[in-house]
Every structure is written in C-alpha cells, then in structure tokens.
Amino acid sequence: MAPSSWSAVVTRARWAQRVLIVLFALLPLFVVTLASVPALILLPFFPRHSAGAQAIVQQLIAWTRTALVSSRNQ
C-alpha cells in the first residue's frame, strides 16, 4: 500500500471512532430522554411544576450539546 492510502485508512478509522463515541455517548442520553417523556407530557399542565419541566428540557439540551461538542474535540 502506498503512504497516501494508509493515511486514508487512518482518516476513515478516526471518523468511524468518532461516530462510535457519539453513538455510545448519546445512547444513555436517549434512554434518559425516553424516561423523561411522561414527565414532560404531564408537568406543563400543572402550574407549579412547569418550571420543573423546563429544567428537565434545559438539562437534556445541555447534555446533548456536551456530547456533540466533546466528540469534535477528540
């Protein structure tokens, strides 16, 4: 194999590694999001608990951003 083809193989391997890291990082987040769906459906209808639903959504957004941004840095 020529040196240029080795670099292509390494580049593809790094890309595949990043994809797997993101998938493994997002899998627990997906499970937590699914577990939060009933609360997110019911809480906004109760005036005292709508802030709790908003906090859950903000936390899910923060976790998603962290998982996606940290995958770019590797």
Protein backbone atom coordinates (compact mmCIF):
# COMPACT_ATOMS: atom_id res chain seq x y z
CA MET A 1 0.00 0.00 0.00
CA ALA A 2 1.16 3.49 -0.78
CA PRO A 3 1.58 6.03 2.06
CA SER A 4 -1.39 8.05 0.80
CA SER A 5 -3.67 5.04 1.07
CA TRP A 6 -2.51 4.45 4.67
CA SER A 7 -3.46 7.99 5.58
CA ALA A 8 -6.88 7.45 4.02
CA VAL A 9 -7.33 4.28 6.10
CA VAL A 10 -6.30 6.10 9.27
CA THR A 11 -8.61 9.01 8.48
CA ARG A 12 -11.53 6.64 7.94
CA ALA A 13 -10.72 4.80 11.16
CA ARG A 14 -10.71 8.08 13.12
CA TRP A 15 -14.02 9.06 11.56
CA ALA A 16 -15.54 5.69 12.48
CA GLN A 17 -14.15 6.03 16.01
CA ARG A 18 -15.81 9.44 16.40
CA VAL A 19 -19.10 8.07 15.16
CA LEU A 20 -18.96 5.23 17.68
CA ILE A 21 -18.05 7.58 20.52
CA VAL A 22 -21.00 9.83 19.70
CA LEU A 23 -23.36 6.86 19.44
CA PHE A 24 -22.22 5.45 22.79
CA ALA A 25 -22.46 8.89 24.40
CA LEU A 26 -25.93 9.53 23.02
CA LEU A 27 -27.33 6.11 23.90
CA PRO A 28 -27.69 6.83 27.66
CA LEU A 29 -28.98 10.29 26.81
CA PHE A 30 -31.62 8.71 24.59
CA VAL A 31 -32.68 6.37 27.41
CA VAL A 32 -32.94 9.30 29.87
CA THR A 33 -34.94 11.30 27.32
CA LEU A 34 -37.37 8.42 26.84
CA ALA A 35 -37.73 8.04 30.59
CA SER A 36 -38.47 11.77 30.89
CA VAL A 37 -41.23 11.82 28.27
CA PRO A 38 -44.10 11.09 30.69
CA ALA A 39 -42.95 13.91 32.99
CA LEU A 40 -42.55 16.26 30.05
CA ILE A 41 -46.07 15.46 28.89
CA LEU A 42 -47.75 15.91 32.28
CA LEU A 43 -45.75 18.57 34.15
CA PRO A 44 -46.53 21.57 31.91
CA PHE A 45 -50.22 21.23 32.77
CA PHE A 46 -49.56 21.82 36.47
CA PRO A 47 -48.69 25.46 37.15
CA ARG A 48 -46.29 24.72 39.99
CA HIS A 49 -44.42 22.06 38.04
CA SER A 50 -43.96 23.76 34.67
CA ALA A 51 -40.60 25.14 35.85
CA GLY A 52 -39.53 21.56 36.57
CA ALA A 53 -40.39 20.51 33.02
CA GLN A 54 -38.42 23.45 31.69
CA ALA A 55 -35.43 22.48 33.85
CA ILE A 56 -35.56 18.91 32.51
CA VAL A 57 -35.57 20.14 28.92
CA GLN A 58 -32.68 22.55 29.60
CA GLN A 59 -30.65 19.74 31.17
CA LEU A 60 -31.29 17.41 28.23
CA ILE A 61 -30.20 20.17 25.83
CA ALA A 62 -27.01 20.77 27.84
CA TRP A 63 -26.14 17.06 27.89
CA THR A 64 -26.72 16.74 24.14
CA ARG A 65 -24.55 19.77 23.38
CA THR A 66 -21.80 18.47 25.65
CA ALA A 67 -21.83 15.04 23.98
CA LEU A 68 -21.71 16.51 20.49
CA VAL A 69 -19.10 19.21 21.20
CA SER A 70 -16.81 16.86 23.09
CA SER A 71 -16.87 14.41 20.17
CA ARG A 72 -15.47 17.12 17.89
CA ASN A 73 -12.51 17.77 20.18
CA GLN A 74 -11.19 14.22 20.01
